């Protein structure tokens, strides 16, 4: 996906390589996409649902982030001249709190020649179905919708903006699009001030990261991107910023990922924590413990809304055509109805570091442990029961190895937390239960015929998710069964540096593209079993699958290297961080 992402942990937008903002949801990540041209023009006409800067006669473009920030710079060139576009969402500290408004700032300026540009600003509401009502002043336009309003404040000529007229660009124009509120100063002054403060915020944030010696730029970009996928107001972490980008061309595998999967979020906060970015873990722990309290010891959905909403009813947009016309565009996700038993392990894995990390000012004593124990009880009861599994299969249930594995992890970590809190009787109980589950997995998930652990108890097909055995510490890396599984999975599911999720057909047939996080799991597993040079080679090749800005989507086509699936995918960005942290040469060995 040739897209860049900007955001501020409250809202986020995608920007095309040509400088068009084509995805922006309000009032938060899972809201109405007021800019939606990435998914079609809706009930309107071509060009609706985006904020474009069109350079007459454009022949080339280039795009990059300002170093160590989430501020995006796009340069458009033509024979007549060139323009620079700076895009960002303001984020900095003000009045003792985090300032992260539902706002986009665009600064457009001439950098050479005599360029002519057209500003095309066409937001729409209710998933492209409703055109806004416009009211205007001397320096602003209000876009009034059925449920929300936006205001553009600018020093550009309002008439030319609304008419999308081609004009000469002599100097610089600033566009501030945000809440329907009067600004306290000129657009230019506010844009400049916000840019300076936002630059300072991101550069200070990255300065505190504990990055590896190698692949520093890749890790920094991944870390910033993961932070942009956190919703700071509640602590929730979304899986991706988009909905319905297909996993493969015309596959129908179009899902809404703008919600909080406890599975994905665990990996996200753990990756950021490994870089010493602890605030996201703090906020996520609070979100997580609210989810635990809401459940009152009962079933917990694998996916929840940013504000812990449980009803994420799936429907299809009647107006949006889909990415490159490949619908449907889904709103909501049926997975909220699923029973995925790995959920309990992922919650406890996500919460466990808070009990051991002395840097975190969190309430993680006996009371918090007792709040987690009912989740352990669920894991214990369900560890050998059928579920939809990690891949959220909609048409069948099995006793999935990865689900049982995470139930084991739930009991194992509760045992370790209890021992840390000097609750020896509880530590013994949970450790004994973990051992029972471990024995069942070893007895039922190993296939002599395949020479590997398989996807379900008594099954016969291979699934990359069993590689998590190494990551969660289920087996020592040198265990012959783990080594054999890594080798067999690599042989059957590997496609160069990429990797299939599984070999068996699902609801939509046999998968056709590589699922990026599985490829990173393989790299981690290879390094664990001592094949580091092979892992490094594959890691370097996978980094080539990132887009021009260092971002990754969910999937990669084997033949073309083209990215598919929702974007940017937190799982994929986590893989970059984990791979670099495991494989990098050490600072102390190099300097």
Protein backbone atom coordinates (compact mmCIF):
# COMPACT_ATOMS: atom_id res chain seq x y z
CA UNK A 1 0.00 0.00 0.00
CA UNK A 2 1.57 3.25 -1.15
CA UNK A 3 0.14 5.19 1.78
CA UNK A 4 1.45 7.17 4.71
CA UNK A 5 -0.21 7.48 8.10
CA UNK A 6 -0.49 10.52 10.33
CA UNK A 7 -2.19 10.67 13.71
CA UNK A 8 -2.06 11.67 17.34
CA UNK A 9 -3.48 8.73 19.37
CA UNK A 10 -7.00 10.14 19.01
CA UNK A 11 -7.52 10.20 15.23
CA UNK A 12 -5.50 9.04 12.24
CA UNK A 13 -5.49 9.65 8.49
CA UNK A 14 -3.96 8.02 5.44
CA UNK A 15 -2.23 10.05 2.76
CA UNK A 16 -1.57 8.80 -0.78
CA UNK A 17 1.78 9.09 -2.49
CA UNK A 18 0.28 11.95 -4.54
CA UNK A 19 -0.72 13.88 -1.42
CA UNK A 20 -4.44 13.06 -1.18
CA UNK A 21 -5.92 12.39 2.25
CA UNK A 22 -8.14 9.43 1.39
CA UNK A 23 -9.04 7.94 4.80
CA UNK A 24 -9.95 9.84 7.95
CA UNK A 25 -12.55 8.73 10.50
CA UNK A 26 -14.30 10.90 13.06
CA UNK A 27 -14.77 11.25 15.95
CA UNK A 28 -12.24 8.42 16.50
CA UNK A 29 -10.58 5.51 14.65
CA UNK A 30 -13.77 3.47 14.38
CA UNK A 31 -15.99 6.37 13.37
CA UNK A 32 -17.47 7.67 10.14
CA UNK A 33 -14.83 8.00 7.37
CA UNK A 34 -15.41 11.60 6.31
CA UNK A 35 -12.58 11.05 3.84
CA UNK A 36 -13.08 7.61 2.29
CA UNK A 37 -11.93 7.70 -1.34
CA UNK A 38 -9.59 4.79 -0.54
CA UNK A 39 -12.82 2.76 -0.51
CA UNK A 40 -14.62 4.55 -3.34
CA UNK A 41 -16.62 7.72 -3.82
CA UNK A 42 -19.77 6.50 -2.13
CA UNK A 43 -23.10 7.84 -3.38
CA UNK A 44 -21.38 10.90 -4.84
CA UNK A 45 -19.03 11.27 -7.77
CA UNK A 46 -15.36 10.65 -8.51
CA UNK A 47 -13.18 12.69 -6.19
CA UNK A 48 -15.66 12.74 -3.35
CA UNK A 49 -14.41 11.66 0.05
CA UNK A 50 -10.91 13.08 -0.09
CA UNK A 51 -8.75 16.14 0.46
CA UNK A 52 -6.46 16.38 -2.55
CA UNK A 53 -3.75 18.80 -3.62
CA UNK A 54 -3.44 18.44 -7.40
CA UNK A 55 -0.41 19.87 -9.17
CA UNK A 56 -1.00 20.72 -12.83
CA UNK A 57 1.12 18.52 -15.09
CA UNK A 58 2.56 16.49 -12.18
CA UNK A 59 5.26 14.11 -13.36
CA UNK A 60 6.65 12.73 -10.12
CA UNK A 61 6.19 12.66 -6.37
CA UNK A 62 8.30 11.79 -3.37
CA UNK A 63 7.31 11.21 0.22
CA UNK A 64 9.06 10.90 3.57
CA UNK A 65 8.56 11.54 7.24
CA UNK A 66 10.33 14.34 9.02
CA UNK A 67 12.98 12.39 10.95
CA UNK A 68 11.69 10.60 14.05
CA UNK A 69 8.18 12.06 13.80
CA UNK A 70 4.69 11.27 12.55
CA UNK A 71 4.79 14.36 10.32
CA UNK A 72 4.59 13.50 6.64
CA UNK A 73 6.22 15.47 3.80
CA UNK A 74 5.05 15.00 0.20
CA UNK A 75 6.71 16.75 -2.74
CA UNK A 76 4.94 16.99 -6.10
CA UNK A 77 6.92 18.01 -9.20
CA UNK A 78 6.00 19.17 -12.70
CA UNK A 79 7.89 20.88 -15.54
CA UNK A 80 6.54 24.21 -14.26
CA UNK A 81 7.48 23.85 -10.62
CA UNK A 82 7.20 21.92 -7.39
CA UNK A 83 5.16 22.06 -4.19
CA UNK A 84 5.66 20.67 -0.71
CA UNK A 85 2.81 19.35 1.45
CA UNK A 86 3.27 18.88 5.18
CA UNK A 87 0.58 16.80 6.90
CA UNK A 88 0.17 16.04 10.59
CA UNK A 89 -2.26 15.69 13.47
CA UNK A 90 -1.25 17.95 16.35
CA UNK A 91 0.06 16.25 19.46
CA UNK A 92 1.92 17.81 22.39
CA UNK A 93 1.57 18.70 26.04
CA UNK A 94 -0.41 21.80 26.97
CA UNK A 95 -1.75 22.97 30.33
CA UNK A 96 -0.46 19.85 32.01
CA UNK A 97 -2.27 17.41 29.73
CA UNK A 98 -1.94 15.77 26.34
CA UNK A 99 -3.32 17.90 23.51
CA UNK A 100 -4.54 15.61 20.72
CA UNK A 101 -7.52 17.22 18.96
CA UNK A 102 -9.61 15.66 16.19
CA UNK A 103 -7.68 17.77 13.72
CA UNK A 104 -5.64 17.65 10.51
CA UNK A 105 -3.14 20.33 9.57
CA UNK A 106 -1.94 20.75 5.97
CA UNK A 107 0.74 23.22 4.94
CA UNK A 108 1.20 23.64 1.19
CA UNK A 109 4.00 25.78 -0.22
CA UNK A 110 5.84 26.47 -3.44
CA UNK A 111 9.43 25.23 -3.40
CA UNK A 112 10.45 26.02 -6.98
CA UNK A 113 9.17 27.38 -10.28
CA UNK A 114 5.63 28.57 -10.93
CA UNK A 115 3.36 25.69 -9.94
CA UNK A 116 -0.40 25.74 -10.39
CA UNK A 117 -2.48 23.75 -7.93
CA UNK A 118 -6.06 22.74 -7.33
CA UNK A 119 -7.38 22.09 -3.83
CA UNK A 120 -10.18 19.53 -3.83
CA UNK A 121 -11.85 19.22 -0.45
CA UNK A 122 -14.93 16.97 -0.52
CA UNK A 123 -15.79 15.34 2.79
CA UNK A 124 -18.94 13.27 3.04
CA UNK A 125 -20.82 11.79 5.96
CA UNK A 126 -22.43 8.48 6.89
CA UNK A 127 -20.08 6.28 4.89
CA UNK A 128 -20.24 8.33 1.72
CA UNK A 129 -24.02 8.55 1.58
CA UNK A 130 -24.59 12.16 2.68
CA UNK A 131 -23.08 15.35 1.27
CA UNK A 132 -22.51 18.03 3.92
CA UNK A 133 -24.34 21.31 4.13
CA UNK A 134 -21.87 24.17 3.74
CA UNK A 135 -21.79 27.48 5.54
CA UNK A 136 -18.92 29.88 5.17
CA UNK A 137 -17.15 32.89 6.55
CA UNK A 138 -14.25 35.00 5.33
CA UNK A 139 -11.61 32.44 6.37
CA UNK A 140 -13.53 29.30 7.18
CA UNK A 141 -16.01 26.77 5.88
CA UNK A 142 -18.32 24.66 8.04
CA UNK A 143 -19.23 21.17 6.81
CA UNK A 144 -22.46 20.29 8.57
CA UNK A 145 -23.57 16.67 8.71
CA UNK A 146 -26.44 14.78 10.32
CA UNK A 147 -24.41 13.80 13.39
CA UNK A 148 -21.19 15.83 13.34
CA UNK A 149 -19.73 19.03 11.94
CA UNK A 150 -16.24 20.01 10.80
CA UNK A 151 -14.64 23.38 10.24
CA UNK A 152 -11.88 24.28 7.79
CA UNK A 153 -9.91 27.39 8.70
CA UNK A 154 -7.47 28.57 6.06
CA UNK A 155 -5.61 31.50 4.60
CA UNK A 156 -6.23 30.15 1.08
CA UNK A 157 -9.01 31.80 -0.96
CA UNK A 158 -12.23 30.10 0.18
CA UNK A 159 -13.90 30.55 -3.20
CA UNK A 160 -11.08 28.80 -5.03
CA UNK A 161 -11.03 25.95 -2.52
CA UNK A 162 -14.77 25.33 -2.77
CA UNK A 163 -14.73 25.59 -6.57
CA UNK A 164 -11.62 23.36 -6.84
CA UNK A 165 -10.17 26.05 -9.13
CA UNK A 166 -6.67 25.79 -10.58
CA UNK A 167 -4.62 28.66 -9.14
CA UNK A 168 -1.06 29.92 -9.05
CA UNK A 169 0.74 28.97 -5.83
CA UNK A 170 2.94 31.91 -4.88
CA UNK A 171 3.82 31.25 -1.26
CA UNK A 172 2.34 29.05 1.45
CA UNK A 173 -1.22 28.10 2.38
CA UNK A 174 -2.33 26.50 5.64
CA UNK A 175 -5.43 24.34 6.10
CA UNK A 176 -6.67 23.41 9.57
CA UNK A 177 -9.54 20.94 9.49
CA UNK A 178 -11.03 20.00 12.80
CA UNK A 179 -13.79 20.64 15.33
CA UNK A 180 -16.39 23.29 14.59
CA UNK A 181 -14.69 25.88 16.77
CA UNK A 182 -13.24 29.33 16.16
CA UNK A 183 -9.44 29.38 16.28
CA UNK A 184 -7.63 31.82 18.53
CA UNK A 185 -5.10 32.96 15.93
CA UNK A 186 -4.44 32.91 12.20
CA UNK A 187 -4.25 29.58 10.38
CA UNK A 188 -0.62 30.24 9.49
CA UNK A 189 0.40 31.03 13.07
CA UNK A 190 -1.44 28.08 14.56
CA UNK A 191 -0.17 25.72 11.87
CA UNK A 192 3.43 26.78 12.46
CA UNK A 193 3.15 26.61 16.26
CA UNK A 194 1.43 23.23 16.23
CA UNK A 195 4.01 21.84 13.81
CA UNK A 196 6.92 22.98 15.98
CA UNK A 197 5.41 21.53 19.14
CA UNK A 198 4.36 18.29 17.45
CA UNK A 199 7.84 17.84 15.99
CA UNK A 200 9.36 18.36 19.42
CA UNK A 201 6.95 15.86 21.00
CA UNK A 202 7.75 13.01 18.58
CA UNK A 203 11.48 13.62 18.58
CA UNK A 204 11.58 13.58 22.37
CA UNK A 205 9.46 10.43 22.42
CA UNK A 206 11.81 8.60 20.05
CA UNK A 207 14.86 9.78 22.00
CA UNK A 208 13.65 7.73 24.96
CA UNK A 209 13.31 4.50 22.98
CA UNK A 210 15.74 1.70 23.78
CA UNK A 211 16.41 0.74 20.16
CA UNK A 212 18.69 -2.01 18.82
CA UNK A 213 22.02 -1.29 17.14
CA UNK A 214 20.87 -2.46 13.71
CA UNK A 215 17.76 -1.51 11.71
CA UNK A 216 17.21 1.60 13.79
CA UNK A 217 15.13 3.50 11.24
CA UNK A 218 12.86 0.49 10.69
CA UNK A 219 12.31 0.09 14.44
CA UNK A 220 11.66 3.78 15.07
CA UNK A 221 9.10 3.93 12.27
CA UNK A 222 7.42 0.77 13.53
CA UNK A 223 7.30 2.13 17.08
CA UNK A 224 5.75 5.44 16.03
CA UNK A 225 3.20 3.58 13.91
CA UNK A 226 2.22 1.29 16.78
CA UNK A 227 1.77 4.28 19.05
CA UNK A 228 -0.47 5.91 16.43
CA UNK A 229 -2.72 2.83 16.69
CA UNK A 230 -3.30 3.36 20.40
CA UNK A 231 -6.36 5.30 21.51
CA UNK A 232 -5.03 7.18 24.47
CA UNK A 233 -8.38 8.33 25.86
CA UNK A 234 -9.27 4.77 26.94
CA UNK A 235 -6.05 2.76 26.46
CA UNK A 236 -7.44 0.59 23.67
CA UNK A 237 -5.16 -0.49 20.81
CA UNK A 238 -6.62 -1.10 17.35
CA UNK A 239 -5.42 -3.80 14.95
CA UNK A 240 -5.24 -1.41 11.97
CA UNK A 241 -6.51 1.99 10.90
CA UNK A 242 -8.64 0.71 8.02
CA UNK A 243 -11.54 -1.53 7.27
CA UNK A 244 -12.07 -3.80 4.27
CA UNK A 245 -8.76 -3.59 2.47
CA UNK A 246 -8.89 -7.10 0.95
CA UNK A 247 -6.35 -9.72 2.00
CA UNK A 248 -5.95 -10.64 -1.67
CA UNK A 249 -7.44 -9.33 -4.95
CA UNK A 250 -11.18 -10.03 -5.21
CA UNK A 251 -10.93 -12.48 -2.31
CA UNK A 252 -13.90 -11.24 -0.29
CA UNK A 253 -11.62 -11.38 2.77
CA UNK A 254 -12.51 -7.81 3.71
CA UNK A 255 -12.69 -7.15 7.45
CA UNK A 256 -13.00 -4.19 9.78
CA UNK A 257 -9.86 -4.00 11.92
CA UNK A 258 -10.53 -0.67 13.68
CA UNK A 259 -11.19 -2.39 17.00
CA UNK A 260 -9.25 -3.82 19.92
CA UNK A 261 -8.33 -7.49 19.71
CA UNK A 262 -6.76 -8.49 23.00
CA UNK A 263 -4.52 -10.86 21.02
CA UNK A 264 -3.09 -8.16 18.75
CA UNK A 265 -2.92 -5.60 21.54
CA UNK A 266 -0.84 -7.91 23.73
CA UNK A 267 1.81 -8.21 21.04
CA UNK A 268 1.69 -4.45 20.40
CA UNK A 269 2.21 -3.34 23.98
CA UNK A 270 4.86 -5.99 24.55
CA UNK A 271 6.83 -4.76 21.53
CA UNK A 272 6.63 -1.15 22.68
CA UNK A 273 7.56 -2.17 26.21
CA UNK A 274 10.68 -3.90 24.87
CA UNK A 275 11.72 -0.47 23.55
CA UNK A 276 11.02 1.15 26.96
CA UNK A 277 7.87 2.89 25.67
CA UNK A 278 5.93 2.00 28.81
CA UNK A 279 3.06 4.51 28.72
CA UNK A 280 1.10 2.52 26.14
CA UNK A 281 1.29 -0.52 28.43
CA UNK A 282 0.07 1.57 31.36
CA UNK A 283 -2.95 2.81 29.43
CA UNK A 284 -3.65 -0.62 27.95
CA UNK A 285 -3.48 -2.28 31.39
CA UNK A 286 -6.20 0.08 32.59
CA UNK A 287 -8.34 -0.69 29.50
CA UNK A 288 -7.75 -4.39 30.05
CA UNK A 289 -8.68 -4.38 33.73
CA UNK A 290 -11.90 -2.54 32.89
CA UNK A 291 -12.71 -5.29 30.39
CA UNK A 292 -12.00 -7.89 33.07
CA UNK A 293 -14.24 -6.11 35.59
CA UNK A 294 -17.06 -5.81 33.04
CA UNK A 295 -16.95 -9.56 32.38
CA UNK A 296 -17.58 -10.38 36.07
CA UNK A 297 -15.78 -13.69 35.70
CA UNK A 298 -17.65 -14.73 32.56
CA UNK A 299 -16.99 -14.87 28.83
CA UNK A 300 -14.77 -12.16 27.35
CA UNK A 301 -15.03 -11.34 23.67
CA UNK A 302 -11.84 -11.61 21.60
CA UNK A 303 -12.49 -8.12 20.25
CA UNK A 304 -13.98 -5.03 21.87
CA UNK A 305 -14.52 -1.42 20.89
CA UNK A 306 -12.21 1.43 21.79
CA UNK A 307 -14.50 2.34 24.66
CA UNK A 308 -15.01 -1.33 25.65
CA UNK A 309 -18.14 -1.60 23.53
CA UNK A 310 -19.30 -5.19 23.13
CA UNK A 311 -21.82 -4.82 20.27
CA UNK A 312 -19.72 -4.56 17.10
CA UNK A 313 -22.49 -5.79 14.82
CA UNK A 314 -21.18 -6.41 11.32
CA UNK A 315 -22.92 -4.77 8.36
CA UNK A 316 -22.01 -3.73 4.84
CA UNK A 317 -21.83 -0.14 3.61
CA UNK A 318 -24.47 0.25 0.89
CA UNK A 319 -22.62 3.06 -0.88
CA UNK A 320 -18.86 2.53 -0.78
CA UNK A 321 -17.51 0.53 -3.72
CA UNK A 322 -14.45 -0.88 -1.96
CA UNK A 323 -10.72 -0.64 -2.59
CA UNK A 324 -10.25 -0.63 -6.38
CA UNK A 325 -13.90 -1.63 -6.57
CA UNK A 326 -13.28 -4.80 -4.54
CA UNK A 327 -16.10 -4.74 -2.03
CA UNK A 328 -17.72 -5.30 0.29
CA UNK A 329 -16.88 -2.54 2.76
CA UNK A 330 -17.68 -3.92 6.20
CA UNK A 331 -18.52 -1.94 9.32
CA UNK A 332 -18.19 -3.88 12.57
CA UNK A 333 -16.79 -7.36 12.98
CA UNK A 334 -18.60 -10.63 13.56
CA UNK A 335 -15.66 -11.84 15.65
CA UNK A 336 -17.25 -10.12 18.65
CA UNK A 337 -19.70 -13.07 18.67
CA UNK A 338 -16.93 -15.69 18.60
CA UNK A 339 -15.61 -17.90 21.33
CA UNK A 340 -11.83 -17.79 20.98
CA UNK A 341 -10.29 -19.42 23.99
CA UNK A 342 -6.85 -17.90 23.51
CA UNK A 343 -8.45 -14.62 24.65
CA UNK A 344 -7.92 -15.43 28.33
CA UNK A 345 -4.25 -16.20 27.86
CA UNK A 346 -3.69 -13.05 25.84
CA UNK A 347 -5.31 -10.90 28.51
CA UNK A 348 -3.20 -12.41 31.28
CA UNK A 349 -0.06 -12.21 29.13
CA UNK A 350 -0.86 -8.55 28.48
CA UNK A 351 -1.36 -7.81 32.16
CA UNK A 352 1.50 -9.90 33.59
CA UNK A 353 4.37 -7.43 32.94
CA UNK A 354 2.64 -4.82 35.08
CA UNK A 355 3.15 -7.06 38.15
CA UNK A 356 6.92 -7.28 37.60
CA UNK A 357 7.93 -3.92 36.06
CA UNK A 358 8.87 -1.52 38.84
CA UNK A 359 8.72 1.45 36.46
CA UNK A 360 4.93 1.26 36.18
CA UNK A 361 2.87 3.13 38.79
CA UNK A 362 -0.01 0.67 38.64
CA UNK A 363 -2.15 -1.09 41.22
CA UNK A 364 -0.87 -4.61 40.66
CA UNK A 365 -1.05 -6.25 44.05
CA UNK A 366 -3.15 -9.11 45.34
CA UNK A 367 -6.45 -7.43 44.39
CA UNK A 368 -5.45 -7.16 40.73
CA UNK A 369 -4.27 -10.77 40.77
CA UNK A 370 -7.60 -11.90 42.19
CA UNK A 371 -9.37 -10.01 39.41
CA UNK A 372 -7.39 -12.05 36.87
CA UNK A 373 -7.98 -15.43 38.48
CA UNK A 374 -11.50 -15.85 37.03
CA UNK A 375 -9.92 -15.58 33.57
CA UNK A 376 -7.60 -18.38 34.56
CA UNK A 377 -10.62 -20.42 35.61
CA UNK A 378 -12.11 -19.85 32.14
CA UNK A 379 -8.84 -20.91 30.51
CA UNK A 380 -8.73 -24.04 32.67
CA UNK A 381 -12.31 -24.98 31.83
CA UNK A 382 -11.93 -24.32 28.09
CA UNK A 383 -8.40 -25.48 27.31
CA UNK A 384 -9.60 -28.66 25.60
CA UNK A 385 -12.86 -27.37 24.14
CA UNK A 386 -13.52 -26.43 20.47
CA UNK A 387 -13.47 -22.76 19.42
CA UNK A 388 -13.11 -20.53 16.35
CA UNK A 389 -9.34 -20.29 16.82
CA UNK A 390 -6.78 -17.56 16.28
CA UNK A 391 -7.79 -17.16 12.62
CA UNK A 392 -11.45 -16.60 13.52
CA UNK A 393 -12.90 -19.28 11.28
CA UNK A 394 -16.60 -18.65 10.77
CA UNK A 395 -17.83 -22.06 9.74
CA UNK A 396 -16.14 -24.65 11.97
CA UNK A 397 -14.89 -25.23 15.50
CA UNK A 398 -12.00 -27.39 16.68
CA UNK A 399 -9.73 -27.77 19.66
CA UNK A 400 -7.09 -25.46 18.22
CA UNK A 401 -3.55 -25.96 19.38
CA UNK A 402 -2.88 -22.23 19.59
CA UNK A 403 -5.96 -21.71 21.79
CA UNK A 404 -4.90 -24.48 24.17
CA UNK A 405 -1.39 -23.03 24.15
CA UNK A 406 -2.68 -19.66 25.33
CA UNK A 407 -4.83 -21.35 27.98
CA UNK A 408 -1.61 -22.95 29.19
CA UNK A 409 0.03 -19.49 29.16
CA UNK A 410 -2.84 -18.08 31.26
CA UNK A 411 -2.32 -20.69 33.99
CA UNK A 412 1.47 -20.54 33.75
CA UNK A 413 1.61 -16.75 34.15
CA UNK A 414 -0.90 -16.75 36.98
CA UNK A 415 1.38 -19.21 38.75
CA UNK A 416 4.35 -16.90 38.24
CA UNK A 417 2.42 -13.83 39.37
CA UNK A 418 1.22 -15.67 42.48
CA UNK A 419 4.75 -16.74 43.32
CA UNK A 420 5.94 -13.14 42.84
CA UNK A 421 3.22 -12.02 45.28
CA UNK A 422 4.25 -14.82 47.69
CA UNK A 423 0.88 -16.56 47.38
CA UNK A 424 2.33 -20.05 47.41
CA UNK A 425 -0.92 -22.00 47.50
CA UNK A 426 -2.24 -20.17 44.45
CA UNK A 427 1.11 -20.51 42.71
CA UNK A 428 1.00 -24.27 43.19
CA UNK A 429 -2.60 -24.49 41.94
CA UNK A 430 -1.96 -22.56 38.73
CA UNK A 431 1.38 -24.19 38.02
CA UNK A 432 -0.15 -27.64 38.42
CA UNK A 433 -2.98 -26.74 36.05
CA UNK A 434 -0.48 -25.41 33.51
CA UNK A 435 1.35 -28.73 33.66
CA UNK A 436 -1.87 -30.66 32.98
CA UNK A 437 -2.62 -28.52 29.92
CA UNK A 438 0.96 -28.85 28.75
CA UNK A 439 0.77 -32.63 28.83
CA UNK A 440 -2.50 -32.60 26.87
CA UNK A 441 -0.98 -30.41 24.15
CA UNK A 442 2.07 -32.61 23.87
CA UNK A 443 -0.09 -35.73 23.68
CA UNK A 444 -2.78 -34.47 21.31
CA UNK A 445 -1.23 -31.79 19.09
CA UNK A 446 1.89 -33.69 17.98
CA UNK A 447 1.54 -35.60 14.71
CA UNK A 448 3.97 -38.40 13.99
CA UNK A 449 2.78 -38.46 10.39
CA UNK A 450 3.60 -34.78 9.84
CA UNK A 451 6.61 -34.70 12.14
CA UNK A 452 5.30 -31.49 13.69
CA UNK A 453 2.74 -29.96 15.99
CA UNK A 454 -0.47 -29.51 14.00
CA UNK A 455 -3.26 -26.96 14.07
CA UNK A 456 -5.72 -28.89 16.27
CA UNK A 457 -5.90 -31.82 18.62
CA UNK A 458 -5.86 -34.99 16.54
CA UNK A 459 -5.54 -32.92 13.35
CA UNK A 460 -3.29 -33.42 10.39
CA UNK A 461 -2.76 -29.98 8.86
CA UNK A 462 -0.06 -27.41 9.56
CA UNK A 463 -0.62 -23.96 10.99
CA UNK A 464 1.96 -21.24 11.61
CA UNK A 465 0.36 -20.24 14.91
CA UNK A 466 2.03 -23.21 16.68
CA UNK A 467 5.30 -21.29 16.31
CA UNK A 468 4.10 -19.24 19.28
CA UNK A 469 5.18 -22.18 21.44
CA UNK A 470 8.63 -20.67 21.40
CA UNK A 471 7.52 -17.11 21.95
CA UNK A 472 5.44 -17.84 25.06
CA UNK A 473 7.98 -20.27 26.52
CA UNK A 474 5.97 -23.47 26.18
CA UNK A 475 8.94 -25.50 24.97
CA UNK A 476 12.67 -24.84 25.19
CA UNK A 477 14.07 -23.85 21.79
CA UNK A 478 16.28 -26.94 21.59
CA UNK A 479 13.40 -29.37 22.10
CA UNK A 480 13.54 -31.73 19.08
CA UNK A 481 9.79 -31.46 18.56
CA UNK A 482 9.95 -27.67 18.35
CA UNK A 483 12.92 -27.78 15.96
CA UNK A 484 11.13 -30.32 13.77
CA UNK A 485 7.99 -28.17 13.75
CA UNK A 486 9.91 -25.06 12.70
CA UNK A 487 11.59 -26.95 9.87
CA UNK A 488 8.39 -28.62 8.68
CA UNK A 489 6.35 -25.41 8.75
CA UNK A 490 9.08 -23.55 6.90
CA UNK A 491 9.18 -26.26 4.25
CA UNK A 492 5.40 -26.48 3.71
CA UNK A 493 4.12 -22.96 4.41
CA UNK A 494 7.17 -20.88 3.52
CA UNK A 495 7.27 -18.97 0.24
CA UNK A 496 10.68 -17.33 0.13
CA UNK A 497 10.69 -14.84 3.01
CA UNK A 498 6.89 -15.00 3.26
CA UNK A 499 4.65 -17.54 4.90
CA UNK A 500 1.11 -18.83 4.67
CA UNK A 501 -1.01 -18.97 7.80
CA UNK A 502 -2.11 -22.56 7.20
CA UNK A 503 -2.36 -25.12 4.43
CA UNK A 504 -6.01 -26.12 4.74
CA UNK A 505 -8.80 -24.35 2.87
CA UNK A 506 -11.01 -22.10 4.99
CA UNK A 507 -14.37 -20.38 4.41
CA UNK A 508 -12.94 -18.59 1.36
CA UNK A 509 -10.67 -21.30 -0.02
CA UNK A 510 -6.90 -21.80 0.27
CA UNK A 511 -5.04 -18.61 1.30
CA UNK A 512 -3.16 -16.99 -1.61
CA UNK A 513 -0.86 -14.48 0.10
CA UNK A 514 1.68 -14.44 2.88
CA UNK A 515 0.47 -13.34 6.30
CA UNK A 516 3.29 -11.09 7.40
CA UNK A 517 3.27 -11.80 11.12
CA UNK A 518 3.64 -15.54 10.43
CA UNK A 519 6.82 -14.80 8.51
CA UNK A 520 8.12 -12.87 11.51
CA UNK A 521 7.16 -15.73 13.83
CA UNK A 522 9.25 -18.04 11.66
CA UNK A 523 12.21 -15.66 11.89
CA UNK A 524 11.91 -15.58 15.68
CA UNK A 525 11.70 -19.37 15.83
CA UNK A 526 14.70 -19.85 13.54
CA UNK A 527 16.78 -17.55 15.71
CA UNK A 528 15.69 -19.42 18.84
CA UNK A 529 16.82 -22.78 17.43
CA UNK A 530 20.21 -21.38 16.48
CA UNK A 531 19.74 -20.63 12.77
CA UNK A 532 20.43 -16.92 13.10
CA UNK A 533 22.07 -16.35 9.73
CA UNK A 534 19.06 -17.80 7.95
CA UNK A 535 16.79 -15.68 10.15
CA UNK A 536 18.77 -12.52 9.35
CA UNK A 537 18.56 -13.18 5.62
CA UNK A 538 14.80 -13.67 5.76
CA UNK A 539 14.39 -10.61 7.97
CA UNK A 540 16.26 -8.40 5.49
CA UNK A 541 14.09 -9.74 2.66
CA UNK A 542 10.92 -9.10 4.63
CA UNK A 543 11.95 -5.51 5.27
CA UNK A 544 12.01 -5.06 1.50
CA UNK A 545 8.26 -5.75 1.54
CA UNK A 546 7.62 -2.53 3.48
CA UNK A 547 6.33 0.40 1.49
CA UNK A 548 8.33 3.51 0.64
CA UNK A 549 7.72 4.90 4.14
CA UNK A 550 8.63 1.76 6.07
CA UNK A 551 5.04 0.66 6.74
CA UNK A 552 3.50 -2.77 6.27
CA UNK A 553 0.02 -4.06 5.67
CA UNK A 554 -1.31 -7.40 6.83
CA UNK A 555 -0.41 -9.57 3.83
CA UNK A 556 2.09 -9.68 0.96
CA UNK A 557 1.62 -11.21 -2.49
CA UNK A 558 4.33 -13.79 -3.16
CA UNK A 559 4.95 -12.96 -6.83
CA UNK A 560 4.76 -9.16 -6.81
CA UNK A 561 5.62 -8.20 -3.23
CA UNK A 562 2.51 -6.00 -3.20
CA UNK A 563 0.93 -5.32 0.16
CA UNK A 564 -2.65 -6.41 0.82
CA UNK A 565 -4.97 -6.39 3.79
CA UNK A 566 -5.67 -3.70 6.36
CA UNK A 567 -3.08 -1.00 6.86
CA UNK A 568 -0.91 -0.31 8.69
CA UNK A 569 -1.21 -3.65 10.47
CA UNK A 570 0.01 -3.62 14.05
CA UNK A 571 0.94 -7.32 13.91
CA UNK A 572 3.31 -6.64 11.01
CA UNK A 573 4.90 -3.61 12.65
CA UNK A 574 5.35 -5.65 15.84
CA UNK A 575 7.20 -8.25 13.78
CA UNK A 576 9.69 -5.63 12.62
CA UNK A 577 10.47 -4.60 16.19
CA UNK A 578 10.68 -8.15 17.53
CA UNK A 579 12.87 -9.32 14.67
CA UNK A 580 15.30 -6.43 15.03
CA UNK A 581 15.51 -6.77 18.80
CA UNK A 582 16.25 -10.50 18.55
CA UNK A 583 18.70 -10.40 15.64
CA UNK A 584 20.57 -7.13 16.03
CA UNK A 585 24.20 -7.06 16.99
CA UNK A 586 24.59 -5.64 20.48
CA UNK A 587 25.63 -2.05 21.15
CA UNK A 588 28.30 -3.15 23.61
CA UNK A 589 29.79 -5.54 21.07
CA UNK A 590 30.07 -2.86 18.41
CA UNK A 591 31.19 0.24 20.26
